[in-house]
Amino acid sequence: MDIVLKNTPVKYEKMMEEIAPPLLELLNEVDSLEQEIFARDREMEKEKAALNIPSHRTHPKYSELVSEFRTRFGDFLDKRATDKLKAYGYARSYGNPSRYSYLKSGEYSAEFTMRKDDMASVVVNIYRKGELDKKHKFVLRLVDGVWLLDEKYYCFGEEKTWHRDTV
């Protein structure tokens, strides 16, 4: 997937290759984790019948699975996100489709913007059935010489208002 430059002065154009690919790599890792945990959750749901657990009750190992999800997710963010973003929350849910499933489906386009030496953003336009459905905006900041994910936002379709979000 190509990422296009948007409102970026020439002096920052080369930064796109340094900043955007690691972001997409992180999102792919998070997506794979979410898909794995969801599949394991579904297997646990199937086991409940064999264990004689009512459908409205959780599997005895459910809390362990959620704890593993949070821990592994946190490991992904450890050196790639600011404390500010991590404090806002992460690994609150997993599902099908996964949050970043568009990366594997190819149903997205991305725009890179950089106007300051220490800040850049990547806006991902997500398409469903060929129509613009949602956007994710990732703000990255240069902290001690390392580009870190600092903020995330979303908005729907052609909406102009960005809403703060967790990774």
N, C-alpha and C. Protein backbone atom coordinates (compact mmCIF):
# COMPACT_ATOMS: atom_id res chain seq x y z
N MET A 1 0.85 -1.18 0.00
CA MET A 1 0.00 0.00 0.00
C MET A 1 0.88 1.22 0.00
N ASP A 2 0.62 2.09 -0.90
CA ASP A 2 1.34 3.35 -0.95
C ASP A 2 0.70 4.37 -0.02
N ILE A 3 1.54 5.15 0.58
CA ILE A 3 1.07 6.25 1.42
C ILE A 3 1.38 7.53 0.65
N VAL A 4 0.41 8.42 0.56
CA VAL A 4 0.62 9.65 -0.19
C VAL A 4 0.94 10.80 0.77
N LEU A 5 1.73 11.73 0.29
CA LEU A 5 2.06 12.92 1.05
C LEU A 5 0.90 13.90 0.96
N LYS A 6 0.62 14.58 2.05
CA LYS A 6 -0.44 15.58 2.06
C LYS A 6 0.02 16.76 2.91
N ASN A 7 0.01 17.95 2.33
CA ASN A 7 0.37 19.17 3.06
C ASN A 7 1.72 19.05 3.77
N THR A 8 2.69 18.47 3.09
CA THR A 8 4.02 18.25 3.67
C THR A 8 5.06 19.00 2.87
N PRO A 9 5.80 19.92 3.49
CA PRO A 9 6.87 20.62 2.78
C PRO A 9 7.92 19.63 2.27
N VAL A 10 8.58 20.01 1.21
CA VAL A 10 9.59 19.16 0.57
C VAL A 10 10.64 18.67 1.57
N LYS A 11 11.04 19.53 2.50
CA LYS A 11 12.11 19.16 3.44
C LYS A 11 11.73 17.98 4.34
N TYR A 12 10.43 17.65 4.45
CA TYR A 12 9.99 16.54 5.29
C TYR A 12 9.56 15.31 4.49
N GLU A 13 9.54 15.40 3.19
CA GLU A 13 9.01 14.30 2.38
C GLU A 13 9.71 12.97 2.65
N LYS A 14 11.02 12.99 2.81
CA LYS A 14 11.76 11.74 3.03
C LYS A 14 11.46 11.11 4.39
N MET A 15 10.92 11.87 5.30
CA MET A 15 10.61 11.35 6.63
C MET A 15 9.48 10.32 6.60
N MET A 16 8.66 10.38 5.56
CA MET A 16 7.56 9.44 5.45
C MET A 16 8.05 8.00 5.52
N GLU A 17 9.16 7.70 4.85
CA GLU A 17 9.69 6.34 4.82
C GLU A 17 10.23 5.90 6.18
N GLU A 18 10.65 6.84 7.00
CA GLU A 18 11.16 6.52 8.33
C GLU A 18 10.04 6.33 9.34
N ILE A 19 8.94 7.05 9.16
CA ILE A 19 7.89 7.10 10.17
C ILE A 19 6.71 6.17 9.87
N ALA A 20 6.21 6.17 8.66
CA ALA A 20 4.97 5.43 8.35
C ALA A 20 5.12 3.90 8.39
N PRO A 21 6.15 3.30 7.78
CA PRO A 21 6.23 1.83 7.81
C PRO A 21 6.26 1.22 9.22
N PRO A 22 7.02 1.79 10.18
CA PRO A 22 6.96 1.21 11.53
C PRO A 22 5.57 1.32 12.17
N LEU A 23 4.85 2.40 11.86
CA LEU A 23 3.48 2.52 12.38
C LEU A 23 2.61 1.40 11.83
N LEU A 24 2.66 1.18 10.53
CA LEU A 24 1.83 0.13 9.92
C LEU A 24 2.25 -1.25 10.42
N GLU A 25 3.54 -1.44 10.67
CA GLU A 25 4.02 -2.71 11.23
C GLU A 25 3.41 -2.93 12.62
N LEU A 26 3.42 -1.89 13.46
CA LEU A 26 2.82 -1.99 14.79
C LEU A 26 1.34 -2.35 14.69
N LEU A 27 0.62 -1.68 13.81
CA LEU A 27 -0.81 -1.95 13.67
C LEU A 27 -1.06 -3.37 13.18
N ASN A 28 -0.21 -3.87 12.29
CA ASN A 28 -0.34 -5.25 11.83
C ASN A 28 -0.09 -6.24 12.98
N GLU A 29 0.89 -5.95 13.83
CA GLU A 29 1.16 -6.82 14.98
C GLU A 29 -0.03 -6.82 15.94
N VAL A 30 -0.58 -5.65 16.21
CA VAL A 30 -1.74 -5.55 17.09
C VAL A 30 -2.92 -6.30 16.47
N ASP A 31 -3.11 -6.17 15.17
CA ASP A 31 -4.20 -6.85 14.49
C ASP A 31 -4.06 -8.36 14.58
N SER A 32 -2.86 -8.88 14.37
CA SER A 32 -2.63 -10.32 14.47
C SER A 32 -2.91 -10.82 15.88
N LEU A 33 -2.49 -10.05 16.88
CA LEU A 33 -2.75 -10.42 18.26
C LEU A 33 -4.25 -10.46 18.53
N GLU A 34 -4.96 -9.44 18.08
CA GLU A 34 -6.41 -9.39 18.30
C GLU A 34 -7.10 -10.58 17.64
N GLN A 35 -6.70 -10.91 16.43
CA GLN A 35 -7.31 -12.06 15.75
C GLN A 35 -7.02 -13.37 16.48
N GLU A 36 -5.79 -13.52 16.97
CA GLU A 36 -5.42 -14.73 17.72
C GLU A 36 -6.25 -14.85 18.99
N ILE A 37 -6.35 -13.78 19.76
CA ILE A 37 -7.09 -13.81 21.02
C ILE A 37 -8.57 -14.06 20.76
N PHE A 38 -9.12 -13.45 19.72
CA PHE A 38 -10.53 -13.67 19.39
C PHE A 38 -10.78 -15.15 19.06
N ALA A 39 -9.89 -15.75 18.27
CA ALA A 39 -10.04 -17.16 17.90
C ALA A 39 -9.98 -18.05 19.15
N ARG A 40 -9.07 -17.75 20.05
CA ARG A 40 -8.97 -18.53 21.28
C ARG A 40 -10.20 -18.34 22.17
N ASP A 41 -10.76 -17.14 22.18
CA ASP A 41 -11.99 -16.87 22.92
C ASP A 41 -13.13 -17.70 22.37
N ARG A 42 -13.23 -17.78 21.05
CA ARG A 42 -14.30 -18.58 20.42
C ARG A 42 -14.15 -20.06 20.79
N GLU A 43 -12.91 -20.55 20.83
CA GLU A 43 -12.67 -21.94 21.23
C GLU A 43 -13.10 -22.16 22.67
N MET A 44 -12.82 -21.21 23.53
CA MET A 44 -13.24 -21.32 24.92
C MET A 44 -14.77 -21.34 25.03
N GLU A 45 -15.43 -20.56 24.20
CA GLU A 45 -16.90 -20.57 24.19
C GLU A 45 -17.43 -21.95 23.83
N LYS A 46 -16.78 -22.61 22.88
CA LYS A 46 -17.19 -23.97 22.49
C LYS A 46 -16.96 -24.95 23.63
N GLU A 47 -15.88 -24.77 24.39
CA GLU A 47 -15.56 -25.66 25.51
C GLU A 47 -16.57 -25.57 26.64
N LYS A 48 -17.25 -24.45 26.76
CA LYS A 48 -18.17 -24.26 27.88
C LYS A 48 -19.25 -25.34 27.93
N ALA A 49 -19.75 -25.75 26.78
CA ALA A 49 -20.79 -26.79 26.76
C ALA A 49 -20.24 -28.10 27.35
N ALA A 50 -19.03 -28.47 26.94
CA ALA A 50 -18.42 -29.70 27.45
C ALA A 50 -18.14 -29.61 28.95
N LEU A 51 -17.91 -28.41 29.44
CA LEU A 51 -17.64 -28.21 30.87
C LEU A 51 -18.91 -27.94 31.67
N ASN A 52 -20.05 -27.99 31.01
CA ASN A 52 -21.35 -27.74 31.64
C ASN A 52 -21.45 -26.34 32.25
N ILE A 53 -20.89 -25.36 31.55
CA ILE A 53 -20.94 -23.96 32.00
C ILE A 53 -22.07 -23.27 31.24
N PRO A 54 -23.01 -22.65 31.93
CA PRO A 54 -24.10 -21.94 31.24
C PRO A 54 -23.56 -20.87 30.29
N SER A 55 -24.29 -20.63 29.23
CA SER A 55 -23.83 -19.70 28.19
C SER A 55 -23.63 -18.28 28.71
N HIS A 56 -24.36 -17.87 29.75
CA HIS A 56 -24.23 -16.50 30.27
C HIS A 56 -23.04 -16.35 31.22
N ARG A 57 -22.36 -17.42 31.53
CA ARG A 57 -21.18 -17.37 32.40
C ARG A 57 -19.90 -17.40 31.57
N THR A 58 -18.83 -16.88 32.14
CA THR A 58 -17.56 -16.88 31.42
C THR A 58 -16.80 -18.18 31.68
N HIS A 59 -15.94 -18.50 30.75
CA HIS A 59 -15.06 -19.66 30.85
C HIS A 59 -14.10 -19.42 32.03
N PRO A 60 -13.72 -20.46 32.77
CA PRO A 60 -12.80 -20.28 33.90
C PRO A 60 -11.46 -19.63 33.50
N LYS A 61 -11.06 -19.79 32.26
CA LYS A 61 -9.78 -19.22 31.83
C LYS A 61 -9.93 -17.89 31.09
N TYR A 62 -11.14 -17.34 31.07
CA TYR A 62 -11.38 -16.09 30.35
C TYR A 62 -10.53 -14.94 30.90
N SER A 63 -10.50 -14.77 32.21
CA SER A 63 -9.71 -13.68 32.81
C SER A 63 -8.24 -13.81 32.46
N GLU A 64 -7.75 -15.03 32.43
CA GLU A 64 -6.36 -15.28 32.06
C GLU A 64 -6.10 -14.86 30.61
N LEU A 65 -7.06 -15.15 29.72
CA LEU A 65 -6.93 -14.77 28.31
C LEU A 65 -6.90 -13.25 28.16
N VAL A 66 -7.79 -12.56 28.85
CA VAL A 66 -7.84 -11.10 28.79
C VAL A 66 -6.56 -10.50 29.35
N SER A 67 -6.06 -11.06 30.43
CA SER A 67 -4.81 -10.58 31.01
C SER A 67 -3.65 -10.78 30.04
N GLU A 68 -3.60 -11.92 29.38
CA GLU A 68 -2.56 -12.17 28.38
C GLU A 68 -2.66 -11.15 27.24
N PHE A 69 -3.88 -10.87 26.79
CA PHE A 69 -4.10 -9.90 25.71
C PHE A 69 -3.54 -8.54 26.12
N ARG A 70 -3.89 -8.08 27.31
CA ARG A 70 -3.42 -6.77 27.78
C ARG A 70 -1.90 -6.73 27.90
N THR A 71 -1.33 -7.79 28.43
CA THR A 71 0.13 -7.85 28.61
C THR A 71 0.85 -7.83 27.28
N ARG A 72 0.43 -8.67 26.35
CA ARG A 72 1.09 -8.73 25.05
C ARG A 72 0.90 -7.44 24.26
N PHE A 73 -0.28 -6.86 24.36
CA PHE A 73 -0.56 -5.59 23.69
C PHE A 73 0.36 -4.51 24.26
N GLY A 74 0.48 -4.49 25.59
CA GLY A 74 1.37 -3.54 26.24
C GLY A 74 2.81 -3.71 25.82
N ASP A 75 3.22 -4.97 25.60
CA ASP A 75 4.58 -5.23 25.12
C ASP A 75 4.81 -4.60 23.75
N PHE A 76 3.79 -4.66 22.88
CA PHE A 76 3.91 -4.03 21.56
C PHE A 76 4.09 -2.52 21.70
N LEU A 77 3.36 -1.93 22.63
CA LEU A 77 3.38 -0.47 22.80
C LEU A 77 4.57 0.03 23.60
N ASP A 78 5.18 -0.85 24.37
CA ASP A 78 6.20 -0.45 25.34
C ASP A 78 7.20 0.57 24.81
N LYS A 79 7.85 0.29 23.71
CA LYS A 79 8.87 1.20 23.18
C LYS A 79 8.42 1.92 21.91
N ARG A 80 7.12 1.83 21.60
CA ARG A 80 6.63 2.46 20.37
C ARG A 80 5.56 3.51 20.60
N ALA A 81 5.18 3.71 21.86
CA ALA A 81 4.13 4.69 22.17
C ALA A 81 4.54 5.50 23.39
N THR A 82 4.04 6.72 23.46
CA THR A 82 4.32 7.57 24.61
C THR A 82 3.50 7.11 25.82
N ASP A 83 3.95 7.51 26.98
CA ASP A 83 3.20 7.21 28.20
C ASP A 83 1.82 7.86 28.14
N LYS A 84 1.74 9.01 27.49
CA LYS A 84 0.46 9.72 27.35
C LYS A 84 -0.56 8.84 26.64
N LEU A 85 -0.16 8.21 25.55
CA LEU A 85 -1.10 7.35 24.81
C LEU A 85 -1.41 6.09 25.61
N LYS A 86 -0.41 5.49 26.21
CA LYS A 86 -0.64 4.27 26.99
C LYS A 86 -1.57 4.55 28.17
N ALA A 87 -1.43 5.72 28.79
CA ALA A 87 -2.28 6.07 29.93
C ALA A 87 -3.74 6.23 29.52
N TYR A 88 -3.97 6.57 28.27
CA TYR A 88 -5.35 6.74 27.79
C TYR A 88 -6.07 5.39 27.68
N GLY A 89 -5.29 4.33 27.60
CA GLY A 89 -5.87 2.98 27.57
C GLY A 89 -5.54 2.23 26.29
N TYR A 90 -5.56 0.94 26.40
CA TYR A 90 -5.32 0.06 25.26
C TYR A 90 -5.83 -1.33 25.61
N ALA A 91 -5.96 -2.15 24.60
CA ALA A 91 -6.40 -3.54 24.77
C ALA A 91 -7.72 -3.64 25.54
N ARG A 92 -8.65 -2.78 25.20
CA ARG A 92 -9.94 -2.80 25.89
C ARG A 92 -10.89 -3.84 25.31
N SER A 93 -10.67 -4.22 24.05
CA SER A 93 -11.55 -5.22 23.45
C SER A 93 -10.87 -5.85 22.24
N TYR A 94 -11.42 -6.96 21.82
CA TYR A 94 -11.00 -7.63 20.59
C TYR A 94 -12.26 -8.16 19.94
N GLY A 95 -12.24 -8.29 18.65
CA GLY A 95 -13.45 -8.74 17.98
C GLY A 95 -13.20 -9.18 16.56
N ASN A 96 -14.28 -9.46 15.88
CA ASN A 96 -14.22 -9.88 14.49
C ASN A 96 -15.27 -9.09 13.72
N PRO A 97 -14.87 -8.22 12.80
CA PRO A 97 -13.49 -8.03 12.35
C PRO A 97 -12.67 -7.29 13.39
N SER A 98 -11.39 -7.51 13.33
CA SER A 98 -10.48 -6.84 14.25
C SER A 98 -10.38 -5.36 13.89
N ARG A 99 -9.90 -4.57 14.82
CA ARG A 99 -9.87 -3.12 14.65
C ARG A 99 -9.08 -2.67 13.42
N TYR A 100 -7.98 -3.34 13.14
CA TYR A 100 -7.14 -2.94 12.01
C TYR A 100 -7.18 -3.96 10.87
N SER A 101 -8.28 -4.67 10.74
CA SER A 101 -8.42 -5.69 9.70
C SER A 101 -8.28 -5.11 8.30
N TYR A 102 -8.52 -3.83 8.15
CA TYR A 102 -8.41 -3.19 6.84
C TYR A 102 -7.00 -3.28 6.28
N LEU A 103 -6.00 -3.43 7.14
CA LEU A 103 -4.62 -3.52 6.65
C LEU A 103 -4.41 -4.76 5.79
N LYS A 104 -5.02 -5.87 6.19
CA LYS A 104 -4.88 -7.11 5.42
C LYS A 104 -5.84 -7.15 4.24
N SER A 105 -6.98 -6.49 4.36
CA SER A 105 -7.97 -6.51 3.28
C SER A 105 -7.59 -5.56 2.15
N GLY A 106 -6.74 -4.56 2.46
CA GLY A 106 -6.37 -3.58 1.45
C GLY A 106 -7.44 -2.53 1.21
N GLU A 107 -8.47 -2.51 2.05
CA GLU A 107 -9.58 -1.57 1.87
C GLU A 107 -9.29 -0.24 2.58
N TYR A 108 -8.15 0.35 2.23
CA TYR A 108 -7.80 1.62 2.85
C TYR A 108 -6.82 2.39 1.97
N SER A 109 -6.69 3.65 2.28
CA SER A 109 -5.65 4.49 1.70
C SER A 109 -5.06 5.28 2.87
N ALA A 110 -3.86 5.81 2.69
CA ALA A 110 -3.22 6.52 3.80
C ALA A 110 -2.55 7.79 3.31
N GLU A 111 -2.55 8.79 4.19
CA GLU A 111 -1.94 10.08 3.89
C GLU A 111 -0.98 10.44 5.01
N PHE A 112 0.20 10.88 4.63
CA PHE A 112 1.23 11.29 5.59
C PHE A 112 1.35 12.80 5.56
N THR A 113 1.36 13.41 6.74
CA THR A 113 1.52 14.86 6.85
C THR A 113 2.57 15.16 7.91
N MET A 114 3.48 16.06 7.55
CA MET A 114 4.48 16.51 8.50
C MET A 114 4.77 17.98 8.22
N ARG A 115 4.63 18.82 9.25
CA ARG A 115 4.89 20.25 9.10
C ARG A 115 5.87 20.77 10.13
N LYS A 116 6.23 19.93 11.12
CA LYS A 116 7.16 20.32 12.17
C LYS A 116 8.22 19.24 12.33
N ASP A 117 9.38 19.62 12.81
CA ASP A 117 10.50 18.68 12.97
C ASP A 117 10.18 17.51 13.90
N ASP A 118 9.30 17.71 14.85
CA ASP A 118 9.08 16.69 15.87
C ASP A 118 7.67 16.11 15.91
N MET A 119 6.90 16.32 14.84
CA MET A 119 5.54 15.79 14.82
C MET A 119 5.12 15.44 13.41
N ALA A 120 4.43 14.31 13.28
CA ALA A 120 3.89 13.88 11.99
C ALA A 120 2.57 13.17 12.25
N SER A 121 1.77 13.03 11.20
CA SER A 121 0.53 12.28 11.35
C SER A 121 0.31 11.41 10.11
N VAL A 122 -0.39 10.31 10.36
CA VAL A 122 -0.80 9.41 9.29
C VAL A 122 -2.31 9.26 9.43
N VAL A 123 -3.04 9.59 8.39
CA VAL A 123 -4.49 9.41 8.37
C VAL A 123 -4.78 8.23 7.46
N VAL A 124 -5.50 7.25 8.01
CA VAL A 124 -5.87 6.07 7.25
C VAL A 124 -7.36 6.17 6.93
N ASN A 125 -7.68 6.17 5.64
CA ASN A 125 -9.07 6.21 5.19
C ASN A 125 -9.52 4.76 4.97
N ILE A 126 -10.53 4.34 5.70
CA ILE A 126 -10.98 2.95 5.67
C ILE A 126 -12.24 2.86 4.81
N TYR A 127 -12.22 1.92 3.88
CA TYR A 127 -13.35 1.75 2.96
C TYR A 127 -14.06 0.43 3.23
N ARG A 128 -15.35 0.44 3.17
CA ARG A 128 -16.18 -0.77 3.25
C ARG A 128 -17.06 -0.77 2.01
N LYS A 129 -16.97 -1.82 1.27
CA LYS A 129 -17.75 -1.94 0.02
C LYS A 129 -17.52 -0.74 -0.89
N GLY A 130 -16.28 -0.27 -0.93
CA GLY A 130 -15.90 0.81 -1.83
C GLY A 130 -16.25 2.21 -1.36
N GLU A 131 -16.92 2.32 -0.23
CA GLU A 131 -17.34 3.63 0.29
C GLU A 131 -16.47 4.01 1.49
N LEU A 132 -16.12 5.30 1.61
CA LEU A 132 -15.39 5.77 2.77
C LEU A 132 -16.25 5.57 4.01
N ASP A 133 -15.75 4.78 4.96
CA ASP A 133 -16.54 4.40 6.12
C ASP A 133 -16.05 5.08 7.39
N LYS A 134 -14.75 5.13 7.55
CA LYS A 134 -14.17 5.61 8.79
C LYS A 134 -12.74 6.05 8.52
N LYS A 135 -12.20 6.87 9.42
CA LYS A 135 -10.80 7.28 9.32
C LYS A 135 -10.14 7.10 10.68
N HIS A 136 -8.88 6.70 10.65
CA HIS A 136 -8.05 6.67 11.86
C HIS A 136 -6.92 7.66 11.64
N LYS A 137 -6.66 8.47 12.64
CA LYS A 137 -5.56 9.43 12.57
C LYS A 137 -4.58 9.09 13.69
N PHE A 138 -3.33 8.90 13.31
CA PHE A 138 -2.27 8.58 14.25
C PHE A 138 -1.29 9.74 14.27
N VAL A 139 -1.03 10.28 15.45
CA VAL A 139 -0.08 11.38 15.60
C VAL A 139 1.18 10.80 16.24
N LEU A 140 2.31 11.05 15.60
CA LEU A 140 3.59 10.56 16.10
C LEU A 140 4.46 11.74 16.48
N ARG A 141 5.22 11.58 17.55
CA ARG A 141 6.12 12.63 18.02
C ARG A 141 7.52 12.07 18.17
N LEU A 142 8.48 12.94 17.91
CA LEU A 142 9.88 12.59 18.08
C LEU A 142 10.25 12.84 19.54
N VAL A 143 10.57 11.76 20.26
CA VAL A 143 10.89 11.84 21.68
C VAL A 143 12.27 11.21 21.88
N ASP A 144 13.22 12.00 22.30
CA ASP A 144 14.59 11.52 22.52
C ASP A 144 15.14 10.77 21.31
N GLY A 145 14.87 11.30 20.12
CA GLY A 145 15.40 10.73 18.88
C GLY A 145 14.64 9.54 18.33
N VAL A 146 13.49 9.20 18.94
CA VAL A 146 12.70 8.05 18.50
C VAL A 146 11.28 8.52 18.19
N TRP A 147 10.73 8.05 17.05
CA TRP A 147 9.36 8.39 16.68
C TRP A 147 8.41 7.47 17.44
N LEU A 148 7.53 8.07 18.25
CA LEU A 148 6.59 7.32 19.07
C LEU A 148 5.16 7.71 18.74
N LEU A 149 4.28 6.74 18.81
CA LEU A 149 2.86 6.99 18.63
C LEU A 149 2.38 7.73 19.87
N ASP A 150 1.79 8.91 19.68
CA ASP A 150 1.43 9.78 20.79
C ASP A 150 -0.08 9.97 20.97
N GLU A 151 -0.82 9.96 19.86
CA GLU A 151 -2.27 10.17 19.93
C GLU A 151 -2.93 9.37 18.82
N LYS A 152 -4.20 9.01 19.06
CA LYS A 152 -4.99 8.37 18.02
C LYS A 152 -6.40 8.95 18.07
N TYR A 153 -6.95 9.15 16.88
CA TYR A 153 -8.31 9.68 16.73
C TYR A 153 -9.06 8.88 15.68
N TYR A 154 -10.37 9.03 15.65
CA TYR A 154 -11.17 8.45 14.60
C TYR A 154 -12.28 9.42 14.23
N CYS A 155 -12.82 9.26 13.04
CA CYS A 155 -14.04 9.93 12.64
C CYS A 155 -14.71 9.05 11.59
N PHE A 156 -15.99 9.27 11.37
CA PHE A 156 -16.75 8.46 10.43
C PHE A 156 -16.92 9.17 9.10
N GLY A 157 -16.76 8.41 8.02
CA GLY A 157 -17.01 8.90 6.68
C GLY A 157 -16.43 10.26 6.40
N GLU A 158 -17.27 11.16 5.96
CA GLU A 158 -16.84 12.51 5.62
C GLU A 158 -16.94 13.48 6.80
N GLU A 159 -17.21 12.96 7.97
CA GLU A 159 -17.30 13.78 9.18
C GLU A 159 -16.00 14.59 9.35
N LYS A 160 -16.09 15.77 9.88
CA LYS A 160 -14.92 16.64 10.07
C LYS A 160 -14.40 16.63 11.50
N THR A 161 -15.17 16.11 12.45
CA THR A 161 -14.78 16.11 13.85
C THR A 161 -14.02 14.84 14.19
N TRP A 162 -12.81 15.02 14.73
CA TRP A 162 -11.99 13.90 15.16
C TRP A 162 -12.28 13.61 16.64
N HIS A 163 -12.43 12.33 16.97
CA HIS A 163 -12.70 11.89 18.33
C HIS A 163 -11.49 11.14 18.87
N ARG A 164 -11.08 11.48 20.07
CA ARG A 164 -9.93 10.81 20.67
C ARG A 164 -10.24 9.32 20.84
N ASP A 165 -9.22 8.50 20.65
CA ASP A 165 -9.43 7.04 20.67
C ASP A 165 -8.21 6.36 21.29
N THR A 166 -8.41 5.13 21.67
CA THR A 166 -7.31 4.29 22.14
C THR A 166 -6.72 3.55 20.96
N VAL A 167 -5.52 3.06 21.15
CA VAL A 167 -4.87 2.28 20.08
C VAL A 167 -5.65 1.03 19.95
